Amino acid sequence: MANNIKTIAIIGGGTAGWMTAAALSKMLLPENVTVKLVESEQIGTIGVGEATIPDIANFNRMLGINEQAFLSATKGTFKLGIEFRDWGKLGDKYFHPFGGHGVDMNGIDFHQYWLHSKQNGNTAKLEDYSICSLAAKQAKFILPDPNPKSVLSHLRYAYHFDATAYAAFLRSFAEQRGIVRIEGKIENVATHKDSGNIQSVTLDDGRIIEADFFIDCTGFKALLLEKTLGVKFKDWSHWLPCNRAQAVASERIEPLAPFTISTAKKAGWQWRIPTQHRTGNGHIYCSDFISDDDANQVLLEGLDAKPLGDARTIHFQTGCREQFWVKNCVGIGLSSGFLEPLESTSIFLIQQGITRFISLYPDGNLSEVIQREYNRLMTREFTQVRDFIILHYHATKRDDSPFWNYCRTMPIPESLQHKIELFKAGGRVFRDDQELFSKPSWIAVLLGQNIEPEVCEPILTGIPIDDIQRSLDSMNSAMIQAVSRLPSHAEFIQKYANGVNS
């Protein structure tokens, strides 16, 4: 205990700050480590309606959070995937589901069987063999069946929720477990003369907050990592050129959809995120190709219901820090980097920053080996997510605007180019180093945006196509029957979030 960290200061609140505080409150005993969170009511957070990926459920389970209480507090709904409109070309529509497609057979990926059947006249889409996709399109939902033999065991879900409410929910959780919240704006950051480590922050009323370790959750301004420690930003805007978002809530619409909608526009894309009480909407765009006023018009014209206020404009730059952990400071959330929310990865990257820190939790010596490993893992995480998002922009046939002409013809990272070429050569996808997105995710987007293999799996050429088709038809039929018996998403939410299990 003599050389252990005794105090940790989280600078900044919002989703990143309170997720970090909640996790540390679960992992550290208050009598051993004092954790303080400094935030100011005067400084707003980005917090718009938030869509997530299934990993968020693991984070909540780690904290021991009751799912029904969480959904009730955050006006949350369930999410089975994302529907993409107009991305490959105008008029296109495809679904990226959580979970897989069909069932792999004899060690061969399901999509290979589907490609063979498609070549022989099968008109069913790949997503017709996804239980998540079929349920989403009918606005139905139920929790996965724990019986692995049930087709409903293949359901996989995440959430839509009010991000501000989630931060408030976690604040209450963390404070009950000993986290100390300090209200105030940071006026100055002091560093140790010899080590260069951060020593303290001074608030606008003169109070000085000292700590052994600091976590930077100050958002885009990165007050500690960049402004104090000088960590540079790796700019990825040549691959992901969108740099602004306008967000506005609108009235709730029926039916209550258990999925996010992403619609490509002439200079970016628009999201629709349904929560219990309203719909979150936003337009992500590149200011080099459209003015803010025109972008606002695109946003409002794309709404499905009456807006509940004026749109907020958020400026951003895609990329990440050259280092995420420097000296006695780790950046988590927007201070560490930003990848636009096209695949709902913002909270996941916060979560990874937290869990990696906990798994590499240092003693007071702050080993440089541990810091290097953290930086390696987080750089890899950001890079892998980056490539997946770039795929959506680059794999397009759209030529109806200068923005899409740029995205279609831009050079892409070699790591992504390799994945595309490998898929074209034989429909194969391999995950790298435990990367976030699974094979079914890559396959959904590659095929959804019209990248098809030049050669199908040669091993399957000896299997009679009628046998393949019978297997596919059986899977599809079982899924359709299972979905027909499900309650609507709205009905399930109404009962479940009020504590009545369906």
Protein backbone atom coordinates (compact mmCIF):
# COMPACT_ATOMS: atom_id res chain seq x y z
CA MET A 1 0.00 0.00 0.00
CA ALA A 2 2.95 2.33 0.65
CA ASN A 3 3.46 3.24 -3.00
CA ASN A 4 -0.07 2.85 -4.27
CA ILE A 5 -2.10 5.65 -5.80
CA LYS A 6 -4.07 7.34 -3.03
CA THR A 7 -6.06 9.96 -4.96
CA ILE A 8 -7.50 10.12 -8.47
CA ALA A 9 -9.05 13.25 -9.95
CA ILE A 10 -11.43 12.95 -12.90
CA ILE A 11 -11.55 16.32 -14.63
CA GLY A 12 -14.86 16.73 -16.43
CA GLY A 13 -18.23 15.02 -16.13
CA GLY A 14 -20.64 14.06 -18.89
CA THR A 15 -20.91 10.49 -20.12
CA ALA A 16 -17.14 9.89 -20.12
CA GLY A 17 -16.54 11.33 -16.67
CA TRP A 18 -19.38 9.57 -14.91
CA MET A 19 -18.81 6.23 -16.68
CA THR A 20 -15.22 6.45 -15.43
CA ALA A 21 -16.30 7.43 -11.94
CA ALA A 22 -18.89 4.65 -11.77
CA ALA A 23 -16.37 2.01 -12.87
CA LEU A 24 -13.71 3.18 -10.42
CA SER A 25 -16.27 3.28 -7.61
CA LYS A 26 -16.97 -0.38 -8.30
CA MET A 27 -13.32 -1.43 -8.49
CA LEU A 28 -11.65 0.68 -5.78
CA LEU A 29 -12.42 0.84 -2.07
CA PRO A 30 -12.94 4.46 -0.89
CA GLU A 31 -10.79 3.81 2.18
CA ASN A 32 -7.87 2.91 -0.11
CA VAL A 33 -8.29 5.43 -2.95
CA THR A 34 -10.13 8.75 -2.92
CA VAL A 35 -11.73 9.48 -6.28
CA LYS A 36 -12.87 13.05 -7.00
CA LEU A 37 -14.72 14.31 -10.05
CA VAL A 38 -14.51 17.99 -10.92
CA GLU A 39 -17.15 19.44 -13.23
CA SER A 40 -18.97 22.71 -13.79
CA GLU A 41 -22.68 23.19 -14.32
CA GLN A 42 -21.70 26.18 -16.47
CA ILE A 43 -19.97 23.97 -19.03
CA GLY A 44 -22.39 22.01 -21.18
CA THR A 45 -21.76 18.50 -22.43
CA ILE A 46 -22.15 17.19 -25.98
CA GLY A 47 -24.81 14.74 -24.67
CA VAL A 48 -27.30 14.16 -27.46
CA GLY A 49 -29.48 11.07 -27.84
CA GLU A 50 -27.14 8.12 -27.78
CA ALA A 51 -27.11 4.90 -29.74
CA THR A 52 -24.85 2.10 -28.55
CA ILE A 53 -23.54 -1.34 -29.45
CA PRO A 54 -24.06 -4.52 -27.38
CA ASP A 55 -20.87 -4.10 -25.33
CA ILE A 56 -22.62 -1.44 -23.23
CA ALA A 57 -24.67 -4.21 -21.59
CA ASN A 58 -21.40 -5.78 -20.40
CA PHE A 59 -20.37 -2.48 -18.83
CA ASN A 60 -23.68 -2.11 -17.02
CA ARG A 61 -23.48 -5.73 -15.83
CA MET A 62 -19.96 -5.12 -14.53
CA LEU A 63 -21.38 -2.30 -12.42
CA GLY A 64 -24.27 -4.48 -11.28
CA ILE A 65 -26.84 -2.11 -12.75
CA ASN A 66 -30.41 -3.39 -13.04
CA GLU A 67 -31.40 -3.21 -16.69
CA GLN A 68 -35.00 -2.26 -16.01
CA ALA A 69 -33.99 0.57 -13.68
CA PHE A 70 -31.47 1.78 -16.27
CA LEU A 71 -34.05 1.82 -19.08
CA SER A 72 -36.58 3.61 -16.91
CA ALA A 73 -34.09 6.29 -15.80
CA THR A 74 -32.69 6.97 -19.29
CA LYS A 75 -35.93 6.63 -21.30
CA GLY A 76 -34.10 3.84 -23.05
CA THR A 77 -35.22 1.55 -25.83
CA PHE A 78 -33.67 -1.52 -27.41
CA LYS A 79 -31.57 -1.58 -30.56
CA LEU A 80 -31.14 -4.62 -32.81
CA GLY A 81 -28.93 -2.96 -35.43
CA ILE A 82 -28.72 -0.11 -37.93
CA GLU A 83 -30.58 0.39 -41.18
CA PHE A 84 -28.49 2.16 -43.82
CA ARG A 85 -30.27 4.07 -46.59
CA ASP A 86 -28.77 5.50 -49.80
CA TRP A 87 -25.19 4.57 -48.89
CA GLY A 88 -24.15 2.24 -51.69
CA LYS A 89 -26.23 4.17 -54.20
CA LEU A 90 -29.41 6.23 -54.11
CA GLY A 91 -32.36 3.97 -53.36
CA ASP A 92 -30.28 1.28 -51.65
CA LYS A 93 -31.24 -0.02 -48.22
CA TYR A 94 -29.55 -2.64 -46.07
CA PHE A 95 -29.51 -3.70 -42.42
CA HIS A 96 -26.44 -4.19 -40.24
CA PRO A 97 -27.73 -6.46 -37.46
CA PHE A 98 -26.23 -7.30 -34.12
CA GLY A 99 -25.51 -11.00 -34.11
CA GLY A 100 -24.90 -13.12 -37.17
CA HIS A 101 -26.71 -14.27 -40.28
CA GLY A 102 -28.05 -17.80 -40.34
CA VAL A 103 -25.88 -20.56 -38.91
CA ASP A 104 -22.38 -21.45 -40.06
CA MET A 105 -22.27 -25.04 -41.34
CA ASN A 106 -19.37 -27.50 -41.50
CA GLY A 107 -16.91 -24.81 -40.49
CA ILE A 108 -17.88 -22.54 -43.41
CA ASP A 109 -19.39 -19.09 -42.92
CA PHE A 110 -23.11 -18.85 -43.57
CA HIS A 111 -22.77 -16.02 -46.08
CA GLN A 112 -20.81 -18.33 -48.39
CA TYR A 113 -23.82 -20.64 -48.61
CA TRP A 114 -26.03 -17.65 -49.26
CA LEU A 115 -23.74 -16.40 -52.05
CA HIS A 116 -23.93 -19.81 -53.75
CA SER A 117 -27.72 -19.82 -53.48
CA LYS A 118 -27.88 -16.26 -54.82
CA GLN A 119 -25.86 -17.29 -57.88
CA ASN A 120 -28.46 -19.98 -58.47
CA GLY A 121 -31.49 -17.73 -58.28
CA ASN A 122 -32.22 -17.19 -54.58
CA THR A 123 -33.72 -13.67 -54.33
CA ALA A 124 -33.77 -13.51 -50.51
CA LYS A 125 -31.46 -10.91 -49.01
CA LEU A 126 -28.70 -11.81 -46.57
CA GLU A 127 -30.55 -9.95 -43.82
CA ASP A 128 -33.58 -12.22 -44.32
CA TYR A 129 -31.54 -14.81 -42.41
CA SER A 130 -30.94 -12.54 -39.41
CA ILE A 131 -33.34 -12.82 -36.49
CA CYS A 132 -32.36 -9.29 -35.42
CA SER A 133 -33.16 -7.87 -38.85
CA LEU A 134 -36.52 -9.64 -39.14
CA ALA A 135 -37.62 -8.55 -35.66
CA ALA A 136 -36.43 -4.97 -36.23
CA LYS A 137 -38.38 -4.57 -39.47
CA GLN A 138 -41.58 -5.59 -37.69
CA ALA A 139 -40.80 -3.36 -34.69
CA LYS A 140 -40.80 -6.38 -32.37
CA PHE A 141 -38.57 -7.29 -29.47
CA ILE A 142 -37.93 -9.78 -26.70
CA LEU A 143 -34.88 -10.63 -24.62
CA PRO A 144 -32.72 -13.45 -26.02
CA ASP A 145 -33.81 -16.97 -25.12
CA PRO A 146 -31.21 -18.58 -22.80
CA ASN A 147 -31.86 -21.93 -24.52
CA PRO A 148 -29.11 -22.22 -27.17
CA LYS A 149 -31.35 -24.43 -29.30
CA SER A 150 -33.90 -21.64 -29.69
CA VAL A 151 -33.66 -19.39 -32.73
CA LEU A 152 -34.33 -16.50 -30.31
CA SER A 153 -31.02 -17.23 -28.57
CA HIS A 154 -29.39 -15.48 -31.56
CA LEU A 155 -30.97 -12.13 -30.69
CA ARG A 156 -28.35 -9.58 -29.68
CA TYR A 157 -29.13 -6.04 -28.64
CA ALA A 158 -27.88 -2.67 -27.48
CA TYR A 159 -29.76 0.46 -26.41
CA HIS A 160 -30.89 3.91 -27.44
CA PHE A 161 -31.09 6.34 -24.53
CA ASP A 162 -30.82 9.93 -23.37
CA ALA A 163 -27.08 10.44 -22.80
CA THR A 164 -27.59 13.26 -20.29
CA ALA A 165 -29.91 11.04 -18.26
CA TYR A 166 -27.36 8.20 -18.40
CA ALA A 167 -24.66 10.49 -17.00
CA ALA A 168 -27.03 11.57 -14.20
CA PHE A 169 -27.90 7.92 -13.49
CA LEU A 170 -24.22 7.00 -13.21
CA ARG A 171 -23.51 10.08 -11.09
CA SER A 172 -26.03 8.88 -8.52
CA PHE A 173 -24.53 5.37 -8.69
CA ALA A 174 -20.97 6.66 -8.22
CA GLU A 175 -21.75 9.14 -5.44
CA GLN A 176 -23.51 6.43 -3.43
CA ARG A 177 -20.23 4.51 -3.57
CA GLY A 178 -18.03 7.28 -2.29
CA ILE A 179 -17.08 9.33 -5.36
CA VAL A 180 -16.69 12.97 -4.37
CA ARG A 181 -18.13 15.49 -6.84
CA ILE A 182 -16.61 18.99 -6.84
CA GLU A 183 -18.38 21.83 -8.60
CA GLY A 184 -16.12 24.35 -10.30
CA LYS A 185 -14.38 25.56 -13.44
CA ILE A 186 -10.68 24.89 -13.98
CA GLU A 187 -8.61 28.06 -14.06
CA ASN A 188 -5.13 26.60 -14.03
CA VAL A 189 -3.26 23.29 -14.18
CA ALA A 190 0.05 22.94 -12.31
CA THR A 191 2.76 20.38 -13.08
CA HIS A 192 5.64 19.08 -11.01
CA LYS A 193 8.84 20.95 -11.80
CA ASP A 194 11.02 17.82 -12.02
CA SER A 195 8.78 15.01 -13.33
CA GLY A 196 6.39 17.04 -15.46
CA ASN A 197 3.50 15.10 -13.93
CA ILE A 198 0.28 16.97 -13.25
CA GLN A 199 0.27 18.12 -9.63
CA SER A 200 -3.03 19.96 -9.23
CA VAL A 201 -5.82 21.95 -10.81
CA THR A 202 -6.95 25.31 -9.50
CA LEU A 203 -10.65 26.23 -9.65
CA ASP A 204 -12.09 29.64 -10.42
CA ASP A 205 -12.79 30.24 -6.73
CA GLY A 206 -9.17 29.52 -5.77
CA ARG A 207 -9.58 25.99 -4.48
CA ILE A 208 -6.69 23.68 -5.36
CA ILE A 209 -7.40 20.01 -6.16
CA GLU A 210 -4.37 17.77 -5.87
CA ALA A 211 -4.16 14.10 -6.90
CA ASP A 212 -1.68 11.34 -7.65
CA PHE A 213 -3.39 10.53 -10.94
CA PHE A 214 -5.62 12.53 -13.30
CA ILE A 215 -8.18 11.43 -15.88
CA ASP A 216 -8.93 13.94 -18.63
CA CYS A 217 -12.65 13.96 -19.49
CA THR A 218 -12.70 17.59 -20.62
CA GLY A 219 -14.01 16.84 -24.11
CA PHE A 220 -12.61 18.24 -27.33
CA LYS A 221 -10.49 20.87 -25.57
CA ALA A 222 -8.40 18.13 -23.86
CA LEU A 223 -7.37 20.51 -21.09
CA LEU A 224 -4.88 18.10 -19.53
CA LEU A 225 -3.63 15.90 -22.37
CA GLU A 226 -3.21 18.60 -25.00
CA LYS A 227 -3.22 21.99 -23.30
CA THR A 228 -1.03 20.92 -20.37
CA LEU A 229 1.00 17.89 -21.50
CA GLY A 230 1.21 18.83 -25.18
CA VAL A 231 -0.01 15.53 -26.65
CA LYS A 232 -0.64 16.00 -30.36
CA PHE A 233 -3.71 14.95 -32.32
CA LYS A 234 -3.59 12.54 -35.27
CA ASP A 235 -5.90 14.04 -37.87
CA TRP A 236 -7.89 11.49 -39.88
CA SER A 237 -10.16 13.97 -41.65
CA HIS A 238 -8.65 13.11 -45.06
CA TRP A 239 -10.37 9.72 -44.65
CA LEU A 240 -13.36 10.89 -42.60
CA PRO A 241 -14.02 14.42 -43.84
CA CYS A 242 -17.23 15.20 -41.94
CA ASN A 243 -16.51 17.86 -39.34
CA ARG A 244 -19.84 19.13 -38.05
CA ALA A 245 -23.07 17.84 -36.61
CA GLN A 246 -26.44 19.45 -36.07
CA ALA A 247 -28.67 17.69 -33.57
CA VAL A 248 -32.34 18.15 -32.68
CA ALA A 249 -34.96 16.08 -30.92
CA SER A 250 -38.40 15.51 -32.43
CA GLU A 251 -41.64 14.02 -31.22
CA ARG A 252 -41.85 10.27 -30.72
CA ILE A 253 -43.12 8.37 -33.74
CA GLU A 254 -44.92 5.05 -34.07
CA PRO A 255 -44.18 2.25 -34.31
CA LEU A 256 -41.32 2.46 -31.83
CA ALA A 257 -38.48 1.07 -33.91
CA PRO A 258 -35.82 -1.12 -32.24
CA PHE A 259 -33.08 0.10 -34.57
CA THR A 260 -31.16 3.21 -35.63
CA ILE A 261 -31.61 4.66 -39.12
CA SER A 262 -28.67 6.20 -40.97
CA THR A 263 -29.56 7.95 -44.22
CA ALA A 264 -26.79 9.20 -46.50
CA LYS A 265 -27.25 12.81 -47.66
CA LYS A 266 -25.45 14.87 -50.31
CA ALA A 267 -22.62 15.92 -47.96
CA GLY A 268 -22.88 13.49 -45.04
CA TRP A 269 -25.63 11.52 -43.35
CA GLN A 270 -28.55 11.81 -40.95
CA TRP A 271 -29.35 9.68 -37.91
CA ARG A 272 -32.64 8.77 -36.29
CA ILE A 273 -32.54 7.35 -32.76
CA PRO A 274 -35.87 6.47 -31.10
CA THR A 275 -36.14 6.70 -27.30
CA GLN A 276 -39.23 6.26 -25.13
CA HIS A 277 -40.19 9.92 -25.04
CA ARG A 278 -38.80 11.39 -28.25
CA THR A 279 -36.69 10.77 -31.34
CA GLY A 280 -33.08 11.93 -31.53
CA ASN A 281 -31.99 13.28 -34.92
CA GLY A 282 -28.75 14.63 -36.26
CA HIS A 283 -27.03 15.57 -39.49
CA ILE A 284 -23.30 14.81 -39.74
CA TYR A 285 -21.70 16.70 -42.63
CA CYS A 286 -18.58 18.25 -44.10
CA SER A 287 -18.57 22.05 -44.09
CA ASP A 288 -16.32 22.04 -47.18
CA PHE A 289 -19.24 20.73 -49.22
CA ILE A 290 -22.33 22.32 -47.63
CA SER A 291 -23.10 25.46 -45.61
CA ASP A 292 -24.46 25.30 -42.07
CA ASP A 293 -27.76 26.83 -43.21
CA ASP A 294 -28.19 24.30 -45.98
CA ALA A 295 -27.21 21.50 -43.61
CA ASN A 296 -29.90 22.66 -41.20
CA GLN A 297 -32.46 22.56 -43.99
CA VAL A 298 -31.41 19.00 -44.87
CA LEU A 299 -31.81 18.02 -41.23
CA LEU A 300 -35.27 19.52 -40.83
CA GLU A 301 -36.51 18.12 -44.14
CA GLY A 302 -35.40 14.68 -43.04
CA LEU A 303 -37.38 14.66 -39.78
CA ASP A 304 -40.30 12.26 -39.41
CA ALA A 305 -42.03 14.36 -36.74
CA LYS A 306 -42.22 17.89 -35.34
CA PRO A 307 -38.91 19.17 -33.88
CA LEU A 308 -38.85 19.95 -30.16
CA GLY A 309 -36.53 22.94 -30.42
CA ASP A 310 -33.75 24.41 -32.51
CA ALA A 311 -30.81 22.36 -33.72
CA ARG A 312 -27.46 22.55 -31.91
CA THR A 313 -24.31 22.74 -34.02
CA ILE A 314 -21.24 20.78 -32.89
CA HIS A 315 -17.81 21.21 -34.49
CA PHE A 316 -15.43 18.26 -34.45
CA GLN A 317 -12.39 16.72 -36.07
CA THR A 318 -11.93 12.99 -36.56
CA GLY A 319 -8.80 11.37 -35.24
CA CYS A 320 -7.14 10.42 -31.98
CA ARG A 321 -4.29 11.43 -29.73
CA GLU A 322 -0.78 10.24 -30.50
CA GLN A 323 -0.80 8.98 -26.91
CA PHE A 324 -3.73 8.28 -24.61
CA TRP A 325 -1.73 7.92 -21.39
CA VAL A 326 1.12 10.32 -20.65
CA LYS A 327 2.86 10.64 -17.29
CA ASN A 328 0.11 10.55 -14.62
CA CYS A 329 -2.78 11.33 -16.96
CA VAL A 330 -5.13 9.26 -19.14
CA GLY A 331 -7.57 10.81 -21.59
CA ILE A 332 -11.00 9.16 -21.86
CA GLY A 333 -13.80 10.19 -24.17
CA LEU A 334 -13.52 13.12 -26.57
CA SER A 335 -10.24 14.29 -25.03
CA SER A 336 -8.62 11.10 -26.38
CA GLY A 337 -10.14 11.19 -29.85
CA PHE A 338 -13.33 11.26 -31.86
CA LEU A 339 -14.79 8.94 -34.47
CA GLU A 340 -18.14 10.03 -35.76
CA PRO A 341 -21.14 8.03 -34.49
CA LEU A 342 -21.93 6.20 -37.75
CA GLU A 343 -21.62 2.79 -36.06
CA SER A 344 -22.48 4.00 -32.54
CA THR A 345 -18.96 3.46 -31.19
CA SER A 346 -18.54 6.62 -29.07
CA ILE A 347 -19.57 5.06 -25.76
CA PHE A 348 -17.75 1.83 -26.64
CA LEU A 349 -14.46 3.74 -27.00
CA ILE A 350 -15.09 5.39 -23.62
CA GLN A 351 -15.79 1.95 -22.18
CA GLN A 352 -12.60 0.52 -23.67
CA GLY A 353 -10.55 3.40 -22.30
CA ILE A 354 -11.92 2.68 -18.83
CA THR A 355 -11.62 -1.11 -18.90
CA ARG A 356 -8.11 -1.01 -20.37
CA PHE A 357 -7.08 1.40 -17.61
CA ILE A 358 -8.55 -0.87 -14.94
CA SER A 359 -6.85 -3.93 -16.43
CA LEU A 360 -3.52 -2.04 -16.44
CA TYR A 361 -4.15 -0.16 -13.20
CA PRO A 362 -0.78 1.23 -12.04
CA ASP A 363 0.89 1.59 -8.69
CA GLY A 364 2.53 4.84 -7.73
CA ASN A 365 5.59 4.12 -9.88
CA LEU A 366 3.53 4.61 -13.07
CA SER A 367 5.48 2.06 -15.07
CA GLU A 368 6.27 3.22 -18.60
CA VAL A 369 5.80 -0.35 -19.84
CA ILE A 370 2.18 -0.25 -18.68
CA GLN A 371 1.66 3.14 -20.30
CA ARG A 372 3.06 1.91 -23.62
CA GLU A 373 0.79 -1.12 -23.58
CA TYR A 374 -2.26 1.04 -22.86
CA ASN A 375 -1.33 3.36 -25.72
CA ARG A 376 -0.77 0.42 -28.06
CA LEU A 377 -4.13 -1.15 -27.26
CA MET A 378 -6.12 2.09 -27.51
CA THR A 379 -4.40 3.14 -30.75
CA ARG A 380 -5.26 -0.26 -32.21
CA GLU A 381 -8.87 0.07 -31.03
CA PHE A 382 -9.32 3.49 -32.63
CA THR A 383 -7.60 2.40 -35.85
CA GLN A 384 -9.77 -0.69 -36.29
CA VAL A 385 -12.99 1.25 -35.71
CA ARG A 386 -11.71 3.98 -38.06
CA ASP A 387 -11.26 1.49 -40.90
CA PHE A 388 -14.77 0.11 -40.48
CA ILE A 389 -16.29 3.58 -40.65
CA ILE A 390 -14.19 4.57 -43.68
CA LEU A 391 -15.57 1.49 -45.47
CA HIS A 392 -19.08 2.96 -45.44
CA TYR A 393 -17.93 6.15 -47.17
CA HIS A 394 -15.53 4.63 -49.65
CA ALA A 395 -17.61 1.64 -50.76
CA THR A 396 -20.15 3.64 -52.71
CA LYS A 397 -21.22 4.08 -56.29
CA ARG A 398 -22.73 7.49 -55.58
CA ASP A 399 -21.53 10.22 -57.92
CA ASP A 400 -24.35 12.72 -57.38
CA SER A 401 -22.34 15.23 -55.35
CA PRO A 402 -18.74 16.45 -54.93
CA PHE A 403 -18.71 14.95 -51.41
CA TRP A 404 -19.43 11.43 -52.60
CA ASN A 405 -17.04 11.79 -55.52
CA TYR A 406 -14.32 12.59 -53.00
CA CYS A 407 -15.19 9.68 -50.70
CA ARG A 408 -15.46 7.17 -53.54
CA THR A 409 -12.07 8.06 -55.04
CA MET A 410 -10.00 8.92 -51.94
CA PRO A 411 -6.99 6.75 -51.04
CA ILE A 412 -7.77 4.55 -48.03
CA PRO A 413 -5.58 2.96 -45.33
CA GLU A 414 -3.66 -0.11 -46.46
CA SER A 415 -5.24 -2.13 -43.64
CA LEU A 416 -8.72 -1.48 -45.04
CA GLN A 417 -7.63 -1.97 -48.64
CA HIS A 418 -6.36 -5.42 -47.70
CA LYS A 419 -9.70 -6.39 -46.13
CA ILE A 420 -11.63 -5.26 -49.22
CA GLU A 421 -9.32 -7.09 -51.62
CA LEU A 422 -9.46 -10.27 -49.55
CA PHE A 423 -13.24 -10.17 -49.57
CA LYS A 424 -13.38 -9.55 -53.31
CA ALA A 425 -11.07 -12.52 -53.92
CA GLY A 426 -13.23 -15.08 -52.16
CA GLY A 427 -15.73 -13.56 -49.75
CA ARG A 428 -13.45 -14.03 -46.76
CA VAL A 429 -13.12 -11.81 -43.71
CA PHE A 430 -10.73 -12.33 -40.81
CA ARG A 431 -10.75 -10.37 -37.56
CA ASP A 432 -7.49 -8.78 -36.43
CA ASP A 433 -6.38 -8.87 -32.80
CA GLN A 434 -9.80 -9.16 -31.16
CA GLU A 435 -11.15 -6.21 -33.11
CA LEU A 436 -14.58 -4.90 -32.19
CA PHE A 437 -16.50 -5.62 -35.37
CA SER A 438 -17.18 -9.27 -36.08
CA LYS A 439 -17.16 -11.04 -39.43
CA PRO A 440 -20.97 -10.67 -39.80
CA SER A 441 -20.63 -6.90 -39.35
CA TRP A 442 -17.99 -6.56 -42.06
CA ILE A 443 -19.98 -8.86 -44.33
CA ALA A 444 -23.21 -6.90 -43.80
CA VAL A 445 -21.57 -3.62 -44.84
CA LEU A 446 -19.42 -5.02 -47.67
CA LEU A 447 -22.34 -6.80 -49.32
CA GLY A 448 -24.81 -4.05 -48.35
CA GLN A 449 -22.67 -1.53 -50.23
CA ASN A 450 -22.32 -3.70 -53.30
CA ILE A 451 -18.85 -5.17 -52.85
CA GLU A 452 -19.29 -8.77 -53.94
CA PRO A 453 -16.72 -11.57 -54.20
CA GLU A 454 -15.43 -12.41 -57.65
CA VAL A 455 -15.21 -16.08 -56.61
CA CYS A 456 -17.43 -17.92 -54.13
CA GLU A 457 -16.13 -20.48 -51.65
CA PRO A 458 -14.74 -23.31 -53.85
CA ILE A 459 -15.32 -25.95 -51.16
CA LEU A 460 -19.09 -25.59 -51.61
CA THR A 461 -19.13 -26.32 -55.34
CA GLY A 462 -19.57 -30.03 -54.69
CA ILE A 463 -22.68 -29.60 -52.51
CA PRO A 464 -26.01 -29.84 -54.42
CA ILE A 465 -27.59 -26.40 -54.56
CA ASP A 466 -30.96 -27.88 -53.62
CA ASP A 467 -29.50 -29.06 -50.32
CA ILE A 468 -28.11 -25.60 -49.61
CA GLN A 469 -31.41 -23.94 -50.48
CA ARG A 470 -33.38 -26.31 -48.23
CA SER A 471 -31.14 -25.43 -45.29
CA LEU A 472 -31.52 -21.69 -45.97
CA ASP A 473 -35.30 -21.95 -46.36
CA SER A 474 -35.54 -23.86 -43.08
CA MET A 475 -33.58 -21.19 -41.22
CA ASN A 476 -35.64 -18.37 -42.69
CA SER A 477 -38.92 -20.14 -41.92
CA ALA A 478 -37.93 -20.79 -38.28
CA MET A 479 -37.00 -17.12 -37.84
CA ILE A 480 -40.21 -15.83 -39.41
CA GLN A 481 -42.32 -18.06 -37.16
CA ALA A 482 -40.39 -17.00 -34.05
CA VAL A 483 -40.73 -13.29 -34.85
CA SER A 484 -44.48 -13.64 -35.49
CA ARG A 485 -44.99 -14.60 -31.85
CA LEU A 486 -43.03 -11.66 -30.38
CA PRO A 487 -44.58 -8.62 -28.69
CA SER A 488 -44.10 -5.23 -30.25
CA HIS A 489 -41.05 -3.28 -29.11
CA ALA A 490 -43.31 -0.64 -27.53
CA GLU A 491 -45.32 -3.28 -25.62
CA PHE A 492 -42.20 -4.94 -24.31
CA ILE A 493 -40.67 -1.64 -23.19
CA GLN A 494 -43.90 -0.59 -21.48
CA LYS A 495 -43.98 -3.75 -19.35
CA TYR A 496 -40.27 -4.32 -18.87
CA ALA A 497 -39.15 -0.79 -17.99
CA ASN A 498 -41.92 -0.70 -15.42
CA GLY A 499 -40.54 -3.81 -13.76
CA VAL A 500 -42.92 -6.42 -15.21
CA ASN A 501 -41.07 -9.20 -16.96
CA SER A 502 -42.60 -10.35 -20.23
